[in-house]
N, C-alpha and C. Protein backbone atom coordinates (compact mmCIF):
# COMPACT_ATOMS: atom_id res chain seq x y z
N MET A 1 -35.45 57.46 -14.82
CA MET A 1 -35.20 58.95 -14.60
C MET A 1 -35.04 59.10 -13.12
N LEU A 2 -33.77 59.03 -12.59
CA LEU A 2 -33.43 59.11 -11.18
C LEU A 2 -32.25 60.04 -10.99
N ALA A 3 -32.31 60.67 -9.84
CA ALA A 3 -31.18 61.43 -9.37
C ALA A 3 -31.04 61.31 -7.87
N LYS A 4 -29.84 61.31 -7.46
CA LYS A 4 -29.44 61.11 -5.97
C LYS A 4 -28.63 62.26 -5.50
N LEU A 5 -28.99 62.66 -4.26
CA LEU A 5 -28.16 63.74 -3.59
C LEU A 5 -27.76 63.07 -2.23
N ARG A 6 -26.45 63.02 -1.93
CA ARG A 6 -26.04 62.40 -0.78
C ARG A 6 -25.05 63.26 0.07
N HIS A 7 -25.15 62.97 1.34
CA HIS A 7 -24.28 63.73 2.41
C HIS A 7 -24.57 65.26 2.38
N VAL A 8 -25.73 65.69 2.35
CA VAL A 8 -26.05 67.16 2.38
C VAL A 8 -26.02 67.57 3.85
N ARG A 9 -25.39 68.59 4.15
CA ARG A 9 -25.36 69.09 5.54
C ARG A 9 -26.58 69.77 6.02
N ILE A 10 -27.77 69.08 6.03
CA ILE A 10 -28.99 69.65 6.54
C ILE A 10 -29.71 68.45 7.12
N SER A 11 -30.47 68.73 8.18
CA SER A 11 -31.15 67.66 8.92
C SER A 11 -32.29 67.08 7.92
N PRO A 12 -32.49 65.72 7.99
CA PRO A 12 -33.49 65.14 7.12
C PRO A 12 -34.87 65.67 7.54
N ARG A 13 -35.11 66.05 8.70
CA ARG A 13 -36.48 66.52 9.15
C ARG A 13 -36.68 67.86 8.41
N LYS A 14 -35.73 68.64 8.29
CA LYS A 14 -35.92 69.98 7.62
C LYS A 14 -36.09 69.79 6.13
N LEU A 15 -35.30 68.85 5.54
CA LEU A 15 -35.37 68.55 4.04
C LEU A 15 -36.81 67.99 3.66
N ARG A 16 -37.30 67.10 4.62
CA ARG A 16 -38.64 66.51 4.39
C ARG A 16 -39.66 67.48 4.25
N LEU A 17 -39.60 68.58 5.05
CA LEU A 17 -40.69 69.59 4.88
C LEU A 17 -40.79 70.16 3.58
N VAL A 18 -39.63 70.38 2.89
CA VAL A 18 -39.59 70.92 1.49
C VAL A 18 -40.00 69.83 0.48
N ALA A 19 -39.56 68.62 0.78
CA ALA A 19 -39.87 67.56 -0.18
C ALA A 19 -41.33 67.28 -0.23
N ASP A 20 -42.06 67.40 0.95
CA ASP A 20 -43.51 67.20 0.95
C ASP A 20 -44.19 68.26 0.05
N LEU A 21 -43.66 69.48 -0.07
CA LEU A 21 -44.35 70.40 -0.86
C LEU A 21 -44.38 70.06 -2.41
N ILE A 22 -43.41 69.30 -2.86
CA ILE A 22 -43.37 69.11 -4.39
C ILE A 22 -43.67 67.65 -4.64
N ARG A 23 -43.97 66.79 -3.70
CA ARG A 23 -44.26 65.45 -4.08
C ARG A 23 -45.51 65.28 -4.94
N GLY A 24 -45.36 64.65 -6.10
CA GLY A 24 -46.42 64.39 -7.04
C GLY A 24 -46.73 65.55 -8.06
N LYS A 25 -46.02 66.54 -7.91
CA LYS A 25 -46.27 67.79 -8.76
C LYS A 25 -45.55 67.68 -10.08
N ASN A 26 -46.04 68.48 -11.05
CA ASN A 26 -45.40 68.60 -12.37
C ASN A 26 -43.99 69.25 -12.21
N VAL A 27 -43.08 68.92 -12.97
CA VAL A 27 -41.66 69.39 -12.88
C VAL A 27 -41.66 70.88 -12.89
N GLU A 28 -42.37 71.48 -13.82
CA GLU A 28 -42.26 72.94 -13.96
C GLU A 28 -42.89 73.56 -12.63
N GLU A 29 -43.99 73.02 -12.11
CA GLU A 29 -44.64 73.64 -11.02
C GLU A 29 -43.75 73.43 -9.75
N ALA A 30 -43.05 72.31 -9.63
CA ALA A 30 -42.24 72.01 -8.56
C ALA A 30 -41.01 72.95 -8.53
N GLY A 31 -40.41 73.22 -9.79
CA GLY A 31 -39.37 74.12 -9.80
C GLY A 31 -39.74 75.48 -9.37
N ASN A 32 -40.97 75.97 -9.70
CA ASN A 32 -41.39 77.30 -9.29
C ASN A 32 -41.61 77.33 -7.69
N ILE A 33 -42.13 76.30 -7.21
CA ILE A 33 -42.32 76.26 -5.73
C ILE A 33 -40.92 76.21 -4.99
N LEU A 34 -39.98 75.54 -5.46
CA LEU A 34 -38.71 75.46 -4.81
C LEU A 34 -37.94 76.77 -5.10
N LYS A 35 -38.11 77.43 -6.20
CA LYS A 35 -37.41 78.70 -6.44
C LYS A 35 -37.80 79.77 -5.45
N TYR A 36 -39.05 79.78 -5.12
CA TYR A 36 -39.57 80.86 -4.18
C TYR A 36 -39.87 80.42 -2.75
N CYS A 37 -39.52 79.20 -2.40
CA CYS A 37 -39.63 78.70 -1.05
C CYS A 37 -38.51 79.29 -0.20
N PRO A 38 -38.88 79.80 1.07
CA PRO A 38 -37.87 80.49 1.90
C PRO A 38 -36.97 79.45 2.72
N LYS A 39 -37.28 78.16 2.63
CA LYS A 39 -36.58 77.21 3.39
C LYS A 39 -35.14 76.89 2.74
N ARG A 40 -34.23 76.63 3.63
CA ARG A 40 -32.83 76.28 3.07
C ARG A 40 -32.74 75.13 2.28
N GLY A 41 -33.56 74.07 2.59
CA GLY A 41 -33.56 72.82 1.79
C GLY A 41 -34.06 73.02 0.38
N SER A 42 -34.75 74.04 0.08
CA SER A 42 -35.21 74.15 -1.25
C SER A 42 -34.13 74.32 -2.30
N TYR A 43 -32.96 74.88 -1.87
CA TYR A 43 -31.86 75.16 -2.71
C TYR A 43 -31.36 73.72 -3.16
N PHE A 44 -31.18 72.84 -2.24
CA PHE A 44 -30.66 71.46 -2.56
C PHE A 44 -31.63 70.66 -3.40
N LEU A 45 -32.90 70.78 -3.14
CA LEU A 45 -33.89 69.97 -3.88
C LEU A 45 -34.06 70.53 -5.31
N LEU A 46 -33.86 71.79 -5.46
CA LEU A 46 -33.94 72.46 -6.75
C LEU A 46 -32.84 71.93 -7.64
N LYS A 47 -31.61 71.90 -7.09
CA LYS A 47 -30.47 71.32 -7.82
C LYS A 47 -30.69 69.85 -8.15
N LEU A 48 -31.25 69.13 -7.29
CA LEU A 48 -31.49 67.65 -7.49
C LEU A 48 -32.66 67.50 -8.62
N LEU A 49 -33.63 68.36 -8.57
CA LEU A 49 -34.67 68.31 -9.58
C LEU A 49 -34.12 68.70 -10.94
N ASN A 50 -33.29 69.66 -11.03
CA ASN A 50 -32.69 70.07 -12.35
C ASN A 50 -31.71 68.84 -12.89
N SER A 51 -31.12 68.23 -11.94
CA SER A 51 -30.22 67.07 -12.35
C SER A 51 -31.04 66.03 -12.88
N ALA A 52 -32.20 65.67 -12.19
CA ALA A 52 -33.12 64.62 -12.71
C ALA A 52 -33.63 64.86 -14.09
N VAL A 53 -34.03 66.13 -14.35
CA VAL A 53 -34.56 66.55 -15.61
C VAL A 53 -33.53 66.35 -16.67
N ALA A 54 -32.26 66.75 -16.30
CA ALA A 54 -31.18 66.62 -17.31
C ALA A 54 -30.86 65.20 -17.54
N ASN A 55 -30.92 64.34 -16.52
CA ASN A 55 -30.82 62.91 -16.72
C ASN A 55 -31.80 62.30 -17.74
N ALA A 56 -33.07 62.78 -17.45
CA ALA A 56 -34.11 62.28 -18.24
C ALA A 56 -33.99 62.61 -19.66
N THR A 57 -33.63 63.85 -20.00
CA THR A 57 -33.47 64.27 -21.43
C THR A 57 -32.26 63.68 -22.03
N SER A 58 -31.16 63.53 -21.30
CA SER A 58 -29.93 62.96 -21.93
C SER A 58 -30.07 61.47 -22.18
N ASN A 59 -30.68 60.76 -21.28
CA ASN A 59 -30.73 59.34 -21.39
C ASN A 59 -31.78 58.89 -22.48
N SER A 60 -32.90 59.58 -22.58
CA SER A 60 -33.81 59.23 -23.58
C SER A 60 -34.37 60.52 -24.22
N PRO A 61 -33.84 60.84 -25.38
CA PRO A 61 -34.26 62.14 -25.99
C PRO A 61 -35.70 62.28 -26.41
N GLU A 62 -36.50 61.18 -26.50
CA GLU A 62 -37.86 61.25 -26.85
C GLU A 62 -38.77 61.69 -25.67
N VAL A 63 -38.26 61.89 -24.45
CA VAL A 63 -38.93 62.33 -23.30
C VAL A 63 -39.41 63.87 -23.50
N ASN A 64 -40.72 64.05 -23.34
CA ASN A 64 -41.19 65.44 -23.28
C ASN A 64 -41.20 65.96 -21.97
N THR A 65 -40.41 66.96 -21.60
CA THR A 65 -40.37 67.62 -20.25
C THR A 65 -41.61 68.19 -19.79
N ASP A 66 -42.53 68.53 -20.72
CA ASP A 66 -43.90 69.10 -20.25
C ASP A 66 -44.73 68.03 -19.57
N TYR A 67 -44.44 66.79 -19.75
CA TYR A 67 -45.32 65.82 -19.12
C TYR A 67 -44.64 65.06 -17.94
N LEU A 68 -43.41 65.48 -17.65
CA LEU A 68 -42.74 64.98 -16.50
C LEU A 68 -43.33 65.38 -15.16
N TYR A 69 -43.39 64.42 -14.20
CA TYR A 69 -43.83 64.75 -12.86
C TYR A 69 -42.96 63.92 -11.84
N ILE A 70 -43.03 64.34 -10.62
CA ILE A 70 -42.27 63.78 -9.58
C ILE A 70 -43.03 62.56 -9.13
N LYS A 71 -42.53 61.37 -9.48
CA LYS A 71 -43.20 60.09 -9.10
C LYS A 71 -42.92 59.77 -7.62
N GLN A 72 -41.63 59.99 -7.22
CA GLN A 72 -41.30 59.56 -5.89
C GLN A 72 -40.19 60.52 -5.45
N ILE A 73 -40.29 60.93 -4.26
CA ILE A 73 -39.13 61.80 -3.61
C ILE A 73 -39.04 61.14 -2.22
N GLU A 74 -37.72 60.88 -1.88
CA GLU A 74 -37.48 60.28 -0.59
C GLU A 74 -36.29 60.91 0.15
N VAL A 75 -36.40 61.16 1.36
CA VAL A 75 -35.34 61.85 2.06
C VAL A 75 -35.03 60.86 3.31
N THR A 76 -33.81 60.44 3.27
CA THR A 76 -33.42 59.51 4.43
C THR A 76 -32.15 60.12 5.15
N PRO A 77 -31.99 59.72 6.43
CA PRO A 77 -30.74 60.27 7.15
C PRO A 77 -29.47 59.66 6.61
N GLY A 78 -28.56 60.53 6.64
CA GLY A 78 -27.15 60.08 6.23
C GLY A 78 -26.32 59.89 7.43
N THR A 79 -25.00 60.00 7.30
CA THR A 79 -24.07 59.83 8.42
C THR A 79 -24.20 60.99 9.43
N ILE A 80 -23.98 60.75 10.59
CA ILE A 80 -24.07 61.80 11.75
C ILE A 80 -22.67 62.05 12.14
N MET A 81 -22.30 63.32 12.03
CA MET A 81 -20.93 63.76 12.52
C MET A 81 -21.19 64.02 14.08
N LYS A 82 -20.41 63.40 14.89
CA LYS A 82 -20.47 63.59 16.34
C LYS A 82 -19.34 64.47 16.81
N ARG A 83 -19.77 65.53 17.55
CA ARG A 83 -18.79 66.33 18.10
C ARG A 83 -19.11 66.46 19.56
N TRP A 84 -18.23 67.11 20.44
CA TRP A 84 -18.39 67.27 21.85
C TRP A 84 -18.23 68.56 22.27
N ARG A 85 -19.09 69.07 23.21
CA ARG A 85 -19.04 70.39 23.71
C ARG A 85 -18.85 70.33 25.24
N ALA A 86 -17.92 71.20 25.75
CA ALA A 86 -17.69 71.20 27.15
C ALA A 86 -18.86 71.60 27.88
N SER A 87 -19.13 71.00 29.03
CA SER A 87 -20.31 71.30 29.93
C SER A 87 -19.73 71.26 31.33
N PRO A 88 -20.49 71.83 32.28
CA PRO A 88 -20.10 71.81 33.77
C PRO A 88 -19.56 70.55 34.32
N ARG A 89 -18.76 70.68 35.36
CA ARG A 89 -18.22 69.49 36.06
C ARG A 89 -17.31 68.61 35.22
N GLY A 90 -16.71 69.18 34.17
CA GLY A 90 -15.83 68.45 33.41
C GLY A 90 -16.40 67.41 32.49
N ARG A 91 -17.69 67.54 32.26
CA ARG A 91 -18.39 66.49 31.37
C ARG A 91 -18.33 67.11 29.99
N GLY A 92 -18.71 66.23 29.04
CA GLY A 92 -18.83 66.61 27.64
C GLY A 92 -20.28 66.25 27.13
N MET A 93 -20.89 67.21 26.40
CA MET A 93 -22.23 66.91 25.92
C MET A 93 -22.09 66.73 24.37
N PRO A 94 -22.80 65.75 23.82
CA PRO A 94 -22.60 65.43 22.43
C PRO A 94 -23.37 66.46 21.62
N ILE A 95 -22.75 66.68 20.36
CA ILE A 95 -23.42 67.57 19.37
C ILE A 95 -23.52 66.68 18.09
N LYS A 96 -24.71 66.52 17.59
CA LYS A 96 -24.93 65.63 16.45
C LYS A 96 -25.18 66.58 15.25
N LYS A 97 -24.32 66.48 14.26
CA LYS A 97 -24.42 67.28 13.00
C LYS A 97 -24.90 66.25 11.96
N ARG A 98 -26.07 66.43 11.65
CA ARG A 98 -26.90 65.50 10.82
C ARG A 98 -26.70 65.84 9.33
N THR A 99 -26.67 64.70 8.51
CA THR A 99 -26.64 64.87 7.05
C THR A 99 -27.83 64.12 6.44
N SER A 100 -28.18 64.43 5.19
CA SER A 100 -29.23 63.82 4.56
C SER A 100 -28.92 63.18 3.12
N HIS A 101 -29.72 62.20 2.76
CA HIS A 101 -29.68 61.73 1.42
C HIS A 101 -31.06 61.95 0.78
N ALA A 102 -31.12 62.32 -0.42
CA ALA A 102 -32.33 62.41 -1.09
C ALA A 102 -32.33 61.73 -2.43
N ILE A 103 -33.43 61.11 -2.80
CA ILE A 103 -33.61 60.38 -4.18
C ILE A 103 -34.93 60.88 -4.72
N ILE A 104 -34.79 61.23 -6.02
CA ILE A 104 -35.97 61.68 -6.74
C ILE A 104 -36.13 60.81 -7.94
N LYS A 105 -37.29 60.43 -8.25
CA LYS A 105 -37.65 59.79 -9.45
C LYS A 105 -38.74 60.39 -10.23
N LEU A 106 -38.50 60.59 -11.53
CA LEU A 106 -39.43 61.27 -12.41
C LEU A 106 -40.13 60.16 -13.27
N ASP A 107 -41.27 60.56 -13.70
CA ASP A 107 -42.01 59.75 -14.70
C ASP A 107 -42.73 60.58 -15.60
N GLN A 108 -43.18 60.07 -16.77
CA GLN A 108 -43.86 60.84 -17.81
C GLN A 108 -45.28 60.38 -17.76
N LYS A 109 -46.15 61.38 -17.66
CA LYS A 109 -47.58 61.25 -17.67
C LYS A 109 -48.02 60.96 -19.08
N ALA A 110 -48.98 60.11 -19.38
CA ALA A 110 -49.47 59.90 -20.72
C ALA A 110 -50.17 61.14 -21.19
N GLU A 111 -50.02 61.44 -22.42
CA GLU A 111 -50.73 62.57 -23.02
C GLU A 111 -52.22 62.25 -23.18
N LYS A 112 -53.04 63.18 -22.74
CA LYS A 112 -54.45 62.93 -22.69
C LYS A 112 -55.06 63.20 -24.15
N LYS A 113 -55.72 62.18 -24.64
CA LYS A 113 -56.33 62.29 -25.98
C LYS A 113 -57.83 62.40 -25.76
N VAL A 114 -58.45 63.39 -26.32
CA VAL A 114 -59.85 63.65 -26.20
C VAL A 114 -60.62 62.73 -27.33
N GLN A 115 -61.44 61.92 -26.76
CA GLN A 115 -62.13 61.03 -27.65
C GLN A 115 -63.65 61.38 -27.52
N PRO A 116 -64.39 61.37 -28.82
CA PRO A 116 -65.70 61.72 -28.77
C PRO A 116 -66.56 60.65 -27.93
N LYS A 117 -67.59 61.24 -27.30
CA LYS A 117 -68.49 60.33 -26.47
C LYS A 117 -69.40 59.47 -27.42
N LYS A 118 -69.71 58.32 -26.95
CA LYS A 118 -70.58 57.45 -27.75
C LYS A 118 -71.98 57.85 -27.57
N GLY A 119 -72.79 57.39 -28.40
CA GLY A 119 -74.23 57.69 -28.41
C GLY A 119 -74.65 58.74 -29.35
N LYS A 120 -76.01 59.08 -29.29
CA LYS A 120 -76.56 59.99 -30.28
C LYS A 120 -76.04 61.46 -29.91
N PRO A 121 -75.77 62.30 -30.97
CA PRO A 121 -75.49 63.62 -30.61
C PRO A 121 -76.77 64.40 -30.10
N LYS A 122 -76.54 65.35 -29.29
CA LYS A 122 -77.64 65.99 -28.70
C LYS A 122 -78.28 67.05 -29.76
N ALA A 123 -79.52 67.26 -29.59
CA ALA A 123 -80.18 68.20 -30.53
C ALA A 123 -79.80 69.56 -30.19
N VAL A 124 -79.62 70.38 -31.27
CA VAL A 124 -79.29 71.73 -31.11
C VAL A 124 -80.47 72.48 -30.71
N PRO A 125 -80.53 73.34 -29.68
CA PRO A 125 -81.61 74.09 -29.25
C PRO A 125 -81.98 75.19 -30.28
N ALA A 126 -83.17 75.48 -30.34
CA ALA A 126 -83.69 76.56 -31.35
C ALA A 126 -83.06 77.86 -30.93
N THR A 127 -83.14 78.83 -31.90
CA THR A 127 -82.63 80.14 -31.60
C THR A 127 -83.47 80.87 -30.66
N PRO A 128 -82.97 81.84 -29.98
CA PRO A 128 -83.72 82.40 -28.87
C PRO A 128 -84.90 83.23 -29.48
N ALA A 129 -84.90 83.77 -30.66
CA ALA A 129 -86.02 84.44 -31.28
C ALA A 129 -87.18 83.53 -31.52
N ALA A 130 -86.95 82.17 -31.85
CA ALA A 130 -87.92 81.31 -32.19
C ALA A 130 -88.55 80.64 -30.99
N ALA A 131 -87.81 80.71 -29.85
CA ALA A 131 -88.38 80.06 -28.62
C ALA A 131 -89.41 80.88 -27.98
N PRO A 132 -90.53 80.26 -27.56
CA PRO A 132 -91.69 80.97 -26.97
C PRO A 132 -91.24 81.47 -25.57
N THR A 133 -91.78 82.58 -25.27
CA THR A 133 -91.48 83.17 -23.97
C THR A 133 -92.71 83.12 -23.09
N LYS A 134 -92.54 82.89 -21.76
CA LYS A 134 -93.63 82.85 -20.80
C LYS A 134 -93.77 84.21 -20.18
N PRO A 135 -94.98 84.61 -20.00
CA PRO A 135 -95.11 85.91 -19.32
C PRO A 135 -94.70 85.70 -17.84
N ALA A 136 -94.23 86.85 -17.42
CA ALA A 136 -93.74 86.94 -15.98
C ALA A 136 -94.98 86.82 -15.02
N PRO A 137 -94.89 86.00 -13.97
CA PRO A 137 -96.00 85.99 -13.03
C PRO A 137 -96.05 87.28 -12.22
N GLU A 138 -97.29 87.65 -11.86
CA GLU A 138 -97.41 88.87 -11.10
C GLU A 138 -97.14 88.65 -9.75
N ALA A 139 -96.44 89.53 -9.10
CA ALA A 139 -95.97 89.48 -7.73
C ALA A 139 -97.11 89.84 -6.74
N SER A 140 -97.30 89.11 -5.78
CA SER A 140 -98.29 89.53 -4.79
C SER A 140 -97.60 89.59 -3.45
N THR A 141 -98.09 90.40 -2.62
CA THR A 141 -97.54 90.62 -1.34
C THR A 141 -98.29 89.94 -0.34
N LYS A 142 -97.79 89.69 0.83
CA LYS A 142 -98.46 88.99 1.88
C LYS A 142 -99.69 89.75 2.40
N LYS A 143 -99.50 91.12 2.50
CA LYS A 143 -100.59 91.92 2.93
C LYS A 143 -101.88 91.76 2.16
N GLU A 144 -101.76 91.62 0.80
CA GLU A 144 -102.80 91.55 -0.03
C GLU A 144 -103.53 90.25 0.07
N GLU A 145 -102.77 89.21 0.40
CA GLU A 145 -103.39 87.84 0.68
C GLU A 145 -104.10 87.81 1.94
N ILE A 146 -103.59 88.50 2.92
CA ILE A 146 -104.27 88.43 4.28
C ILE A 146 -105.64 89.30 4.17
N LYS A 147 -105.67 90.31 3.39
CA LYS A 147 -106.82 91.12 3.28
C LYS A 147 -107.94 90.51 2.64
N SER A 148 -107.60 89.58 1.60
CA SER A 148 -108.74 89.02 0.86
C SER A 148 -109.12 87.63 1.44
């Protein structure tokens, strides 16, 4: 269950900030985080996440999307477009327009099965009416102790 996003016109540094938010999360939870994240990279990663879920369900129909989680998300630098800007004294200063590649891998968590504990069952406590009650201790103040 893999999806790739290549040559995205956003810096890898900015895309990694958003990728760190969803690493290891459940697919549904990650989708909600990306949907309401104000960063620009969240749009690209949300499309990538939806693509990975679609790949998982179409490649193997027995996959339950409720148990999918993000096993790995990786953001690497792509090609850099180099442009030049005029600067004083006839020089040219470089402008680097960075791109990113992102890879996301999903996996399915095992369904948790509740198994009974081994050993003797605990005794059921008696009803509150049958339980003996202790009388409340009398409160004494420090002044009374000093006087006596």
